[in-house]
PDB file of N, CA and C in Angstrom:
ATOM      1  N   MET A   1       0.842  -1.171   0.000  1.00  0.00           N
ATOM      2  CA  MET A   1       0.000   0.000   0.000  1.00  0.00           C
ATOM      3  C   MET A   1       0.894   1.244   0.000  1.00  0.00           C
ATOM      4  N   THR A   2       0.520   2.179  -0.830  1.00  0.00           N
ATOM      5  CA  THR A   2       1.284   3.409  -0.902  1.00  0.00           C
ATOM      6  C   THR A   2       0.934   4.317   0.267  1.00  0.00           C
ATOM      7  N   GLU A   3       1.871   5.176   0.596  1.00  0.00           N
ATOM      8  CA  GLU A   3       1.647   6.079   1.724  1.00  0.00           C
ATOM      9  C   GLU A   3       0.676   7.196   1.361  1.00  0.00           C
ATOM     10  N   PHE A   4       0.683   7.606   0.081  1.00  0.00           N
ATOM     11  CA  PHE A   4      -0.201   8.677  -0.373  1.00  0.00           C
ATOM     12  C   PHE A   4      -0.964   8.225  -1.609  1.00  0.00           C
ATOM     13  N   ARG A   5      -2.131   8.809  -1.828  1.00  0.00           N
ATOM     14  CA  ARG A   5      -2.869   8.595  -3.070  1.00  0.00           C
ATOM     15  C   ARG A   5      -3.057   9.961  -3.723  1.00  0.00           C
ATOM     16  N   THR A   6      -3.050   9.975  -5.035  1.00  0.00           N
ATOM     17  CA  THR A   6      -3.183  11.206  -5.788  1.00  0.00           C
ATOM     18  C   THR A   6      -4.581  11.277  -6.377  1.00  0.00           C
ATOM     19  N   GLN A   7      -5.237  12.401  -6.198  1.00  0.00           N
ATOM     20  CA  GLN A   7      -6.584  12.573  -6.717  1.00  0.00           C
ATOM     21  C   GLN A   7      -6.534  12.671  -8.226  1.00  0.00           C
ATOM     22  N   THR A   8      -7.432  11.924  -8.907  1.00  0.00           N
ATOM     23  CA  THR A   8      -7.387  11.857 -10.365  1.00  0.00           C
ATOM     24  C   THR A   8      -8.316  12.840 -11.060  1.00  0.00           C
ATOM     25  N   ARG A   9      -9.215  13.481 -10.322  1.00  0.00           N
ATOM     26  CA  ARG A   9     -10.107  14.476 -10.925  1.00  0.00           C
ATOM     27  C   ARG A   9     -10.499  15.509  -9.877  1.00  0.00           C
ATOM     28  N   ASP A  10     -11.074  16.610 -10.331  1.00  0.00           N
ATOM     29  CA  ASP A  10     -11.527  17.650  -9.410  1.00  0.00           C
ATOM     30  C   ASP A  10     -12.672  17.116  -8.561  1.00  0.00           C
ATOM     31  N   GLY A  11     -12.731  17.583  -7.324  1.00  0.00           N
ATOM     32  CA  GLY A  11     -13.772  17.134  -6.409  1.00  0.00           C
ATOM     33  C   GLY A  11     -15.137  17.647  -6.807  1.00  0.00           C
ATOM     34  N   ARG A  12     -16.167  16.985  -6.313  1.00  0.00           N
ATOM     35  CA  ARG A  12     -17.537  17.377  -6.636  1.00  0.00           C
ATOM     36  C   ARG A  12     -18.044  18.483  -5.733  1.00  0.00           C
ATOM     37  N   LYS A  13     -17.555  18.560  -4.492  1.00  0.00           N
ATOM     38  CA  LYS A  13     -18.006  19.603  -3.578  1.00  0.00           C
ATOM     39  C   LYS A  13     -17.343  20.911  -3.951  1.00  0.00           C
ATOM     40  N   LYS A  14     -18.140  21.964  -3.965  1.00  0.00           N
ATOM     41  CA  LYS A  14     -17.644  23.277  -4.349  1.00  0.00           C
ATOM     42  C   LYS A  14     -17.592  24.200  -3.134  1.00  0.00           C
ATOM     43  N   GLY A  15     -16.627  25.103  -3.139  1.00  0.00           N
ATOM     44  CA  GLY A  15     -16.505  26.082  -2.081  1.00  0.00           C
ATOM     45  C   GLY A  15     -17.470  27.241  -2.300  1.00  0.00           C
ATOM     46  N   ILE A  16     -17.367  28.275  -1.464  1.00  0.00           N
ATOM     47  CA  ILE A  16     -18.237  29.447  -1.567  1.00  0.00           C
ATOM     48  C   ILE A  16     -18.060  30.150  -2.912  1.00  0.00           C
ATOM     49  N   ASP A  17     -16.831  30.152  -3.414  1.00  0.00           N
ATOM     50  CA  ASP A  17     -16.547  30.821  -4.680  1.00  0.00           C
ATOM     51  C   ASP A  17     -16.926  29.985  -5.897  1.00  0.00           C
ATOM     52  N   GLY A  18     -17.413  28.762  -5.716  1.00  0.00           N
ATOM     53  CA  GLY A  18     -17.836  27.922  -6.828  1.00  0.00           C
ATOM     54  C   GLY A  18     -16.758  27.004  -7.366  1.00  0.00           C
ATOM     55  N   ASN A  19     -15.550  27.107  -6.844  1.00  0.00           N
ATOM     56  CA  ASN A  19     -14.461  26.246  -7.291  1.00  0.00           C
ATOM     57  C   ASN A  19     -14.440  24.962  -6.475  1.00  0.00           C
ATOM     58  N   PRO A  20     -13.948  23.855  -7.071  1.00  0.00           N
ATOM     59  CA  PRO A  20     -13.884  22.599  -6.313  1.00  0.00           C
ATOM     60  C   PRO A  20     -12.979  22.729  -5.097  1.00  0.00           C
ATOM     61  N   ILE A  21     -13.374  22.074  -3.994  1.00  0.00           N
ATOM     62  CA  ILE A  21     -12.586  22.118  -2.762  1.00  0.00           C
ATOM     63  C   ILE A  21     -11.286  21.344  -2.945  1.00  0.00           C
ATOM     64  N   THR A  22     -11.380  20.174  -3.569  1.00  0.00           N
ATOM     65  CA  THR A  22     -10.180  19.391  -3.866  1.00  0.00           C
ATOM     66  C   THR A  22      -9.957  19.408  -5.370  1.00  0.00           C
ATOM     67  N   LYS A  23      -8.700  19.379  -5.761  1.00  0.00           N
ATOM     68  CA  LYS A  23      -8.370  19.484  -7.181  1.00  0.00           C
ATOM     69  C   LYS A  23      -7.570  18.282  -7.638  1.00  0.00           C
ATOM     70  N   LYS A  24      -7.583  18.054  -8.937  1.00  0.00           N
ATOM     71  CA  LYS A  24      -6.816  16.978  -9.522  1.00  0.00           C
ATOM     72  C   LYS A  24      -5.338  17.168  -9.187  1.00  0.00           C
ATOM     73  N   GLY A  25      -4.698  16.090  -8.758  1.00  0.00           N
ATOM     74  CA  GLY A  25      -3.285  16.149  -8.400  1.00  0.00           C
ATOM     75  C   GLY A  25      -3.031  16.325  -6.913  1.00  0.00           C
ATOM     76  N   ASP A  26      -4.081  16.625  -6.129  1.00  0.00           N
ATOM     77  CA  ASP A  26      -3.906  16.734  -4.679  1.00  0.00           C
ATOM     78  C   ASP A  26      -3.458  15.395  -4.112  1.00  0.00           C
ATOM     79  N   LYS A  27      -2.603  15.442  -3.101  1.00  0.00           N
ATOM     80  CA  LYS A  27      -2.134  14.214  -2.453  1.00  0.00           C
ATOM     81  C   LYS A  27      -2.823  14.079  -1.106  1.00  0.00           C
ATOM     82  N   HIS A  28      -3.341  12.872  -0.850  1.00  0.00           N
ATOM     83  CA  HIS A  28      -4.020  12.571   0.407  1.00  0.00           C
ATOM     84  C   HIS A  28      -3.311  11.393   1.051  1.00  0.00           C
ATOM     85  N   PRO A  29      -3.115  11.418   2.370  1.00  0.00           N
ATOM     86  CA  PRO A  29      -2.417  10.307   3.025  1.00  0.00           C
ATOM     87  C   PRO A  29      -3.306   9.076   3.172  1.00  0.00           C
ATOM     88  N   ASN A  30      -2.724   7.895   2.964  1.00  0.00           N
ATOM     89  CA  ASN A  30      -3.403   6.636   3.254  1.00  0.00           C
ATOM     90  C   ASN A  30      -3.080   6.162   4.659  1.00  0.00           C
ATOM     91  N   ILE A  31      -1.973   6.662   5.230  1.00  0.00           N
ATOM     92  CA  ILE A  31      -1.534   6.236   6.552  1.00  0.00           C
ATOM     93  C   ILE A  31      -1.350   7.483   7.422  1.00  0.00           C
ATOM     94  N   ILE A  32      -2.026   7.524   8.559  1.00  0.00           N
ATOM     95  CA  ILE A  32      -1.899   8.643   9.490  1.00  0.00           C
ATOM     96  C   ILE A  32      -1.557   8.073  10.856  1.00  0.00           C
ATOM     97  N   ASN A  33      -0.483   8.569  11.448  1.00  0.00           N
ATOM     98  CA  ASN A  33      -0.011   8.107  12.763  1.00  0.00           C
ATOM     99  C   ASN A  33       0.171   6.592  12.812  1.00  0.00           C
ATOM    100  N   GLY A  34       0.609   6.013  11.712  1.00  0.00           N
ATOM    101  CA  GLY A  34       0.864   4.581  11.663  1.00  0.00           C
ATOM    102  C   GLY A  34      -0.362   3.727  11.409  1.00  0.00           C
ATOM    103  N   TYR A  35      -1.536   4.340  11.237  1.00  0.00           N
ATOM    104  CA  TYR A  35      -2.767   3.589  10.993  1.00  0.00           C
ATOM    105  C   TYR A  35      -3.231   3.803   9.557  1.00  0.00           C
ATOM    106  N   VAL A  36      -3.662   2.717   8.936  1.00  0.00           N
ATOM    107  CA  VAL A  36      -4.170   2.784   7.570  1.00  0.00           C
ATOM    108  C   VAL A  36      -5.604   3.293   7.601  1.00  0.00           C
ATOM    109  N   LEU A  37      -5.914   4.224   6.709  1.00  0.00           N
ATOM    110  CA  LEU A  37      -7.273   4.739   6.596  1.00  0.00           C
ATOM    111  C   LEU A  37      -8.060   3.796   5.677  1.00  0.00           C
ATOM    112  N   TRP A  38      -8.629   2.753   6.251  1.00  0.00           N
ATOM    113  CA  TRP A  38      -9.280   1.718   5.450  1.00  0.00           C
ATOM    114  C   TRP A  38     -10.473   2.247   4.689  1.00  0.00           C
ATOM    115  N   GLU A  39     -11.184   3.203   5.256  1.00  0.00           N
ATOM    116  CA  GLU A  39     -12.373   3.722   4.569  1.00  0.00           C
ATOM    117  C   GLU A  39     -12.004   4.329   3.225  1.00  0.00           C
ATOM    118  N   THR A  40     -10.971   5.154   3.201  1.00  0.00           N
ATOM    119  CA  THR A  40     -10.586   5.796   1.943  1.00  0.00           C
ATOM    120  C   THR A  40     -10.041   4.783   0.950  1.00  0.00           C
ATOM    121  N   VAL A  41      -9.315   3.785   1.436  1.00  0.00           N
ATOM    122  CA  VAL A  41      -8.764   2.761   0.544  1.00  0.00           C
ATOM    123  C   VAL A  41      -9.896   1.935  -0.058  1.00  0.00           C
ATOM    124  N   GLN A  42     -10.868   1.540   0.761  1.00  0.00           N
ATOM    125  CA  GLN A  42     -11.966   0.739   0.246  1.00  0.00           C
ATOM    126  C   GLN A  42     -12.882   1.534  -0.673  1.00  0.00           C
ATOM    127  N   LEU A  43     -13.108   2.793  -0.363  1.00  0.00           N
ATOM    128  CA  LEU A  43     -13.914   3.618  -1.261  1.00  0.00           C
ATOM    129  C   LEU A  43     -13.220   3.787  -2.608  1.00  0.00           C
ATOM    130  N   ALA A  44     -11.900   3.901  -2.596  1.00  0.00           N
ATOM    131  CA  ALA A  44     -11.160   4.025  -3.847  1.00  0.00           C
ATOM    132  C   ALA A  44     -11.199   2.724  -4.649  1.00  0.00           C
ATOM    133  N   ASP A  45     -11.259   1.579  -3.971  1.00  0.00           N
ATOM    134  CA  ASP A  45     -11.267   0.279  -4.647  1.00  0.00           C
ATOM    135  C   ASP A  45     -12.671  -0.193  -5.006  1.00  0.00           C
ATOM    136  N   LEU A  46     -13.680   0.626  -4.795  1.00  0.00           N
ATOM    137  CA  LEU A  46     -15.044   0.203  -5.047  1.00  0.00           C
ATOM    138  C   LEU A  46     -15.287  -0.116  -6.526  1.00  0.00           C
ATOM    139  N   ALA A  47     -14.698   0.648  -7.425  1.00  0.00           N
ATOM    140  CA  ALA A  47     -14.863   0.380  -8.860  1.00  0.00           C
ATOM    141  C   ALA A  47     -14.247  -0.968  -9.232  1.00  0.00           C
ATOM    142  N   GLN A  48     -13.075  -1.268  -8.670  1.00  0.00           N
ATOM    143  CA  GLN A  48     -12.437  -2.557  -8.920  1.00  0.00           C
ATOM    144  C   GLN A  48     -13.272  -3.699  -8.327  1.00  0.00           C
ATOM    145  N   THR A  49     -13.875  -3.476  -7.180  1.00  0.00           N
ATOM    146  CA  THR A  49     -14.721  -4.492  -6.555  1.00  0.00           C
ATOM    147  C   THR A  49     -15.921  -4.809  -7.439  1.00  0.00           C
ATOM    148  N   LYS A  50     -16.495  -3.779  -8.056  1.00  0.00           N
ATOM    149  CA  LYS A  50     -17.634  -4.001  -8.949  1.00  0.00           C
ATOM    150  C   LYS A  50     -17.226  -4.814 -10.169  1.00  0.00           C
ATOM    151  N   LYS A  51     -15.985  -4.667 -10.620  1.00  0.00           N
ATOM    152  CA  LYS A  51     -15.506  -5.464 -11.750  1.00  0.00           C
ATOM    153  C   LYS A  51     -15.306  -6.919 -11.345  1.00  0.00           C
ATOM    154  N   LEU A  52     -14.790  -7.150 -10.126  1.00  0.00           N
ATOM    155  CA  LEU A  52     -14.527  -8.514  -9.669  1.00  0.00           C
ATOM    156  C   LEU A  52     -15.802  -9.270  -9.310  1.00  0.00           C
ATOM    157  N   PHE A  53     -16.791  -8.566  -8.773  1.00  0.00           N
ATOM    158  CA  PHE A  53     -18.042  -9.190  -8.348  1.00  0.00           C
ATOM    159  C   PHE A  53     -19.192  -8.585  -9.150  1.00  0.00           C
ATOM    160  N   PRO A  54     -19.614  -9.237 -10.231  1.00  0.00           N
ATOM    161  CA  PRO A  54     -20.643  -8.667 -11.111  1.00  0.00           C
ATOM    162  C   PRO A  54     -21.973  -8.379 -10.413  1.00  0.00           C
ATOM    163  N   GLU A  55     -22.298  -9.125  -9.336  1.00  0.00           N
ATOM    164  CA  GLU A  55     -23.569  -8.880  -8.659  1.00  0.00           C
ATOM    165  C   GLU A  55     -23.594  -7.511  -7.972  1.00  0.00           C
ATOM    166  N   TYR A  56     -22.439  -6.920  -7.710  1.00  0.00           N
ATOM    167  CA  TYR A  56     -22.385  -5.591  -7.098  1.00  0.00           C
ATOM    168  C   TYR A  56     -22.755  -4.488  -8.078  1.00  0.00           C
ATOM    169  N   LYS A  57     -22.720  -4.783  -9.381  1.00  0.00           N
ATOM    170  CA  LYS A  57     -23.054  -3.764 -10.381  1.00  0.00           C
ATOM    171  C   LYS A  57     -24.513  -3.342 -10.288  1.00  0.00           C
ATOM    172  N   SER A  58     -25.369  -4.245  -9.817  1.00  0.00           N
ATOM    173  CA  SER A  58     -26.788  -3.912  -9.726  1.00  0.00           C
ATOM    174  C   SER A  58     -27.097  -3.033  -8.510  1.00  0.00           C
ATOM    175  N   MET A  59     -26.166  -2.931  -7.555  1.00  0.00           N
ATOM    176  CA  MET A  59     -26.376  -2.100  -6.371  1.00  0.00           C
ATOM    177  C   MET A  59     -25.956  -0.660  -6.651  1.00  0.00           C
ATOM    178  N   HIS A  60     -26.675   0.257  -6.081  1.00  0.00           N
ATOM    179  CA  HIS A  60     -26.343   1.669  -6.245  1.00  0.00           C
ATOM    180  C   HIS A  60     -25.049   1.976  -5.486  1.00  0.00           C
ATOM    181  N   SER A  61     -24.216   2.827  -6.045  1.00  0.00           N
ATOM    182  CA  SER A  61     -22.901   3.101  -5.449  1.00  0.00           C
ATOM    183  C   SER A  61     -23.013   3.734  -4.066  1.00  0.00           C
ATOM    184  N   GLN A  62     -24.033   4.570  -3.838  1.00  0.00           N
ATOM    185  CA  GLN A  62     -24.172   5.213  -2.524  1.00  0.00           C
ATOM    186  C   GLN A  62     -24.508   4.203  -1.436  1.00  0.00           C
ATOM    187  N   VAL A  63     -25.206   3.136  -1.794  1.00  0.00           N
ATOM    188  CA  VAL A  63     -25.519   2.095  -0.818  1.00  0.00           C
ATOM    189  C   VAL A  63     -24.233   1.384  -0.410  1.00  0.00           C
ATOM    190  N   LEU A  64     -23.377   1.060  -1.375  1.00  0.00           N
ATOM    191  CA  LEU A  64     -22.104   0.410  -1.067  1.00  0.00           C
ATOM    192  C   LEU A  64     -21.201   1.317  -0.245  1.00  0.00           C
ATOM    193  N   GLN A  65     -21.196   2.620  -0.558  1.00  0.00           N
ATOM    194  CA  GLN A  65     -20.398   3.569   0.214  1.00  0.00           C
ATOM    195  C   GLN A  65     -20.912   3.657   1.649  1.00  0.00           C
ATOM    196  N   ASP A  66     -22.232   3.577   1.833  1.00  0.00           N
ATOM    197  CA  ASP A  66     -22.816   3.620   3.173  1.00  0.00           C
ATOM    198  C   ASP A  66     -22.383   2.418   3.995  1.00  0.00           C
ATOM    199  N   VAL A  67     -22.297   1.252   3.373  1.00  0.00           N
ATOM    200  CA  VAL A  67     -21.859   0.051   4.080  1.00  0.00           C
ATOM    201  C   VAL A  67     -20.426   0.230   4.565  1.00  0.00           C
ATOM    202  N   ILE A  68     -19.556   0.750   3.694  1.00  0.00           N
ATOM    203  CA  ILE A  68     -18.157   0.977   4.072  1.00  0.00           C
ATOM    204  C   ILE A  68     -18.073   1.972   5.221  1.00  0.00           C
ATOM    205  N   GLN A  69     -18.870   3.030   5.176  1.00  0.00           N
ATOM    206  CA  GLN A  69     -18.845   4.024   6.242  1.00  0.00           C
ATOM    207  C   GLN A  69     -19.378   3.463   7.559  1.00  0.00           C
ATOM    208  N   ARG A  70     -20.368   2.570   7.501  1.00  0.00           N
ATOM    209  CA  ARG A  70     -20.871   1.945   8.726  1.00  0.00           C
ATOM    210  C   ARG A  70     -19.806   1.060   9.368  1.00  0.00           C
ATOM    211  N   VAL A  71     -19.076   0.308   8.542  1.00  0.00           N
ATOM    212  CA  VAL A  71     -18.002  -0.540   9.068  1.00  0.00           C
ATOM    213  C   VAL A  71     -16.915   0.334   9.691  1.00  0.00           C
ATOM    214  N   GLN A  72     -16.557   1.436   9.022  1.00  0.00           N
ATOM    215  CA  GLN A  72     -15.533   2.339   9.549  1.00  0.00           C
ATOM    216  C   GLN A  72     -15.971   2.940  10.885  1.00  0.00           C
ATOM    217  N   THR A  73     -17.238   3.343  10.992  1.00  0.00           N
ATOM    218  CA  THR A  73     -17.751   3.901  12.251  1.00  0.00           C
ATOM    219  C   THR A  73     -17.687   2.863  13.363  1.00  0.00           C
ATOM    220  N   THR A  74     -18.044   1.630  13.041  1.00  0.00           N
ATOM    221  CA  THR A  74     -17.991   0.562  14.033  1.00  0.00           C
ATOM    222  C   THR A  74     -16.568   0.333  14.528  1.00  0.00           C
ATOM    223  N   MET A  75     -15.616   0.301  13.608  1.00  0.00           N
ATOM    224  CA  MET A  75     -14.220   0.085  13.999  1.00  0.00           C
ATOM    225  C   MET A  75     -13.666   1.277  14.769  1.00  0.00           C
ATOM    226  N   ASP A  76     -14.074   2.495  14.393  1.00  0.00           N
ATOM    227  CA  ASP A  76     -13.641   3.676  15.145  1.00  0.00           C
ATOM    228  C   ASP A  76     -14.179   3.643  16.576  1.00  0.00           C
ATOM    229  N   ASN A  77     -15.439   3.233  16.733  1.00  0.00           N
ATOM    230  CA  ASN A  77     -16.017   3.133  18.073  1.00  0.00           C
ATOM    231  C   ASN A  77     -15.297   2.093  18.913  1.00  0.00           C
ATOM    232  N   PHE A  78     -14.780   1.047  18.265  1.00  0.00           N
ATOM    233  CA  PHE A  78     -14.074  -0.011  18.974  1.00  0.00           C
ATOM    234  C   PHE A  78     -12.668   0.425  19.379  1.00  0.00           C
ATOM    235  N   THR A  79     -11.982   1.162  18.512  1.00  0.00           N
ATOM    236  CA  THR A  79     -10.573   1.485  18.759  1.00  0.00           C
ATOM    237  C   THR A  79     -10.355   2.838  19.425  1.00  0.00           C
ATOM    238  N   LEU A  80     -11.210   3.808  19.144  1.00  0.00           N
ATOM    239  CA  LEU A  80     -11.005   5.155  19.679  1.00  0.00           C
ATOM    240  C   LEU A  80     -11.881   5.377  20.912  1.00  0.00           C
ATOM    241  N   PRO A  81     -11.326   5.942  21.975  1.00  0.00           N
ATOM    242  CA  PRO A  81     -12.143   6.190  23.168  1.00  0.00           C
ATOM    243  C   PRO A  81     -13.109   7.354  22.955  1.00  0.00           C
ATOM    244  N   ASP A  82     -14.233   7.314  23.665  1.00  0.00           N
ATOM    245  CA  ASP A  82     -15.182   8.424  23.614  1.00  0.00           C
ATOM    246  C   ASP A  82     -14.731   9.525  24.569  1.00  0.00           C
ATOM    247  N   LYS A  83     -15.596  10.516  24.831  1.00  0.00           N
ATOM    248  CA  LYS A  83     -15.195  11.646  25.674  1.00  0.00           C
ATOM    249  C   LYS A  83     -14.928  11.237  27.116  1.00  0.00           C
ATOM    250  N   ASN A  84     -15.457  10.089  27.546  1.00  0.00           N
ATOM    251  CA  ASN A  84     -15.209   9.598  28.903  1.00  0.00           C
ATOM    252  C   ASN A  84     -14.012   8.661  28.976  1.00  0.00           C
ATOM    253  N   GLY A  85     -13.366   8.414  27.842  1.00  0.00           N
ATOM    254  CA  GLY A  85     -12.191   7.554  27.819  1.00  0.00           C
ATOM    255  C   GLY A  85     -12.495   6.072  27.668  1.00  0.00           C
ATOM    256  N   LYS A  86     -13.739   5.724  27.358  1.00  0.00           N
ATOM    257  CA  LYS A  86     -14.113   4.320  27.214  1.00  0.00           C
ATOM    258  C   LYS A  86     -14.307   3.975  25.741  1.00  0.00           C
ATOM    259  N   THR A  87     -14.052   2.710  25.412  1.00  0.00           N
ATOM    260  CA  THR A  87     -14.286   2.233  24.051  1.00  0.00           C
ATOM    261  C   THR A  87     -15.438   1.244  24.062  1.00  0.00           C
ATOM    262  N   SER A  88     -16.034   1.045  22.895  1.00  0.00           N
ATOM    263  CA  SER A  88     -17.105   0.065  22.767  1.00  0.00           C
ATOM    264  C   SER A  88     -16.514  -1.333  22.791  1.00  0.00           C
ATOM    265  N   GLY A  89     -17.385  -2.315  22.932  1.00  0.00           N
ATOM    266  CA  GLY A  89     -16.936  -3.699  22.856  1.00  0.00           C
ATOM    267  C   GLY A  89     -16.515  -4.044  21.436  1.00  0.00           C
ATOM    268  N   ARG A  90     -15.908  -5.202  21.289  1.00  0.00           N
ATOM    269  CA  ARG A  90     -15.440  -5.567  19.954  1.00  0.00           C
ATOM    270  C   ARG A  90     -16.620  -5.793  19.029  1.00  0.00           C
ATOM    271  N   PRO A  91     -16.453  -5.476  17.750  1.00  0.00           N
ATOM    272  CA  PRO A  91     -17.548  -5.685  16.793  1.00  0.00           C
ATOM    273  C   PRO A  91     -17.877  -7.171  16.675  1.00  0.00           C
ATOM    274  N   LYS A  92     -19.133  -7.477  16.572  1.00  0.00           N
ATOM    275  CA  LYS A  92     -19.576  -8.861  16.440  1.00  0.00           C
ATOM    276  C   LYS A  92     -20.190  -9.055  15.059  1.00  0.00           C
ATOM    277  N   PHE A  93     -20.030 -10.255  14.524  1.00  0.00           N
ATOM    278  CA  PHE A  93     -20.613 -10.555  13.225  1.00  0.00           C
ATOM    279  C   PHE A  93     -22.124 -10.622  13.352  1.00  0.00           C
ATOM    280  N   LYS A  94     -22.799  -9.972  12.427  1.00  0.00           N
ATOM    281  CA  LYS A  94     -24.246 -10.027  12.385  1.00  0.00           C
ATOM    282  C   LYS A  94     -24.652 -10.542  11.016  1.00  0.00           C
ATOM    283  N   GLY A  95     -25.592 -11.440  10.985  1.00  0.00           N
ATOM    284  CA  GLY A  95     -26.041 -12.037   9.733  1.00  0.00           C
ATOM    285  C   GLY A  95     -26.760 -11.054   8.839  1.00  0.00           C
ATOM    286  N   LYS A  96     -27.129 -11.522   7.666  1.00  0.00           N
ATOM    287  CA  LYS A  96     -27.753 -10.648   6.679  1.00  0.00           C
ATOM    288  C   LYS A  96     -29.119 -10.128   7.125  1.00  0.00           C
ATOM    289  N   HIS A  97     -29.782 -10.814   8.061  1.00  0.00           N
ATOM    290  CA  HIS A  97     -31.096 -10.346   8.497  1.00  0.00           C
ATOM    291  C   HIS A  97     -31.019  -9.115   9.404  1.00  0.00           C
ATOM    292  N   TYR A  98     -29.827  -8.722   9.865  1.00  0.00           N
ATOM    293  CA  TYR A  98     -29.672  -7.516  10.676  1.00  0.00           C
ATOM    294  C   TYR A  98     -29.567  -6.254   9.826  1.00  0.00           C
ATOM    295  N   TYR A  99     -29.265  -6.437   8.565  1.00  0.00           N
ATOM    296  CA  TYR A  99     -29.065  -5.278   7.679  1.00  0.00           C
ATOM    297  C   TYR A  99     -30.250  -5.212   6.726  1.00  0.00           C
ATOM    298  N   ASN A 100     -31.383  -4.717   7.225  1.00  0.00           N
ATOM    299  CA  ASN A 100     -32.624  -4.711   6.463  1.00  0.00           C
ATOM    300  C   ASN A 100     -32.844  -3.439   5.661  1.00  0.00           C
ATOM    301  N   SER A 101     -32.089  -2.407   5.926  1.00  0.00           N
ATOM    302  CA  SER A 101     -32.337  -1.133   5.262  1.00  0.00           C
ATOM    303  C   SER A 101     -31.044  -0.557   4.720  1.00  0.00           C
ATOM    304  N   PHE A 102     -31.189   0.391   3.857  1.00  0.00           N
ATOM    305  CA  PHE A 102     -30.050   1.124   3.331  1.00  0.00           C
ATOM    306  C   PHE A 102     -30.501   2.560   3.112  1.00  0.00           C
ATOM    307  N   SER A 103     -29.551   3.433   2.890  1.00  0.00           N
ATOM    308  CA  SER A 103     -29.905   4.841   2.743  1.00  0.00           C
ATOM    309  C   SER A 103     -29.231   5.439   1.516  1.00  0.00           C
ATOM    310  N   TYR A 104     -29.896   6.387   0.936  1.00  0.00           N
ATOM    311  CA  TYR A 104     -29.335   7.173  -0.154  1.00  0.00           C
ATOM    312  C   TYR A 104     -28.963   8.534   0.420  1.00  0.00           C
ATOM    313  N   ALA A 105     -27.693   8.861   0.390  1.00  0.00           N
ATOM    314  CA  ALA A 105     -27.230  10.105   1.006  1.00  0.00           C
ATOM    315  C   ALA A 105     -27.838  11.339   0.346  1.00  0.00           C
ATOM    316  N   GLN A 106     -28.093  11.272  -0.954  1.00  0.00           N
ATOM    317  CA  GLN A 106     -28.636  12.440  -1.646  1.00  0.00           C
ATOM    318  C   GLN A 106     -30.062  12.760  -1.201  1.00  0.00           C
ATOM    319  N   LEU A 107     -30.784  11.781  -0.736  1.00  0.00           N
ATOM    320  CA  LEU A 107     -32.181  11.999  -0.370  1.00  0.00           C
ATOM    321  C   LEU A 107     -32.382  12.376   1.082  1.00  0.00           C
ATOM    322  N   SER A 108     -31.308  12.517   1.850  1.00  0.00           N
ATOM    323  CA  SER A 108     -31.460  12.771   3.272  1.00  0.00           C
ATOM    324  C   SER A 108     -32.039  14.142   3.587  1.00  0.00           C
ATOM    325  N   ASN A 109     -31.826  15.119   2.717  1.00  0.00           N
ATOM    326  CA  ASN A 109     -32.294  16.487   3.005  1.00  0.00           C
ATOM    327  C   ASN A 109     -33.487  16.906   2.171  1.00  0.00           C
ATOM    328  N   THR A 110     -34.075  15.982   1.444  1.00  0.00           N
ATOM    329  CA  THR A 110     -35.202  16.355   0.593  1.00  0.00           C
ATOM    330  C   THR A 110     -36.505  15.885   1.206  1.00  0.00           C
ATOM    331  N   ASN A 111     -37.562  16.513   0.809  1.00  0.00           N
ATOM    332  CA  ASN A 111     -38.895  16.121   1.256  1.00  0.00           C
ATOM    333  C   ASN A 111     -39.527  15.286   0.165  1.00  0.00           C
ATOM    334  N   PRO A 112     -39.777  13.981   0.414  1.00  0.00           N
ATOM    335  CA  PRO A 112     -40.332  13.152  -0.641  1.00  0.00           C
ATOM    336  C   PRO A 112     -41.786  13.476  -0.954  1.00  0.00           C
ATOM    337  N   TYR A 113     -42.458  14.188  -0.052  1.00  0.00           N
ATOM    338  CA  TYR A 113     -43.865  14.522  -0.278  1.00  0.00           C
ATOM    339  C   TYR A 113     -43.957  15.949  -0.765  1.00  0.00           C
ATOM    340  N   GLN A 114     -44.566  16.115  -1.905  1.00  0.00           N
ATOM    341  CA  GLN A 114     -44.732  17.455  -2.439  1.00  0.00           C
ATOM    342  C   GLN A 114     -46.192  17.867  -2.306  1.00  0.00           C
ATOM    343  N   LYS A 115     -46.416  19.144  -2.134  1.00  0.00           N
ATOM    344  CA  LYS A 115     -47.792  19.644  -2.029  1.00  0.00           C
ATOM    345  C   LYS A 115     -48.457  19.527  -3.388  1.00  0.00           C
ATOM    346  N   CYS A 116     -49.671  19.082  -3.374  1.00  0.00           N
ATOM    347  CA  CYS A 116     -50.429  18.913  -4.618  1.00  0.00           C
ATOM    348  C   CYS A 116     -51.098  20.203  -5.022  1.00  0.00           C
TER     349      CYS A 116
END
């Protein structure tokens, strides 16, 4: 694994002036304080994962990104202490029946019901 990754295109989020916040050629660390940032590595490898596993092509990309972020949050809760200095218990395997829902990040701030 490389220590840094180079951004291949301009970012989608724009600043106040309308320019992208991140630009093509920016370098981002994969390793911080000796720890690998697995979330960023897995998000970057998502396109390759879709090529290796054809059944993933039918899933929306935001759903797959949400799964990666949930795993990262779980691992952060396990390894990093909270404000009281305590950590959560170790993550436990949960079967497929525990993951009944998914979310689309783009729809979180919209109102699905429109006035008639």
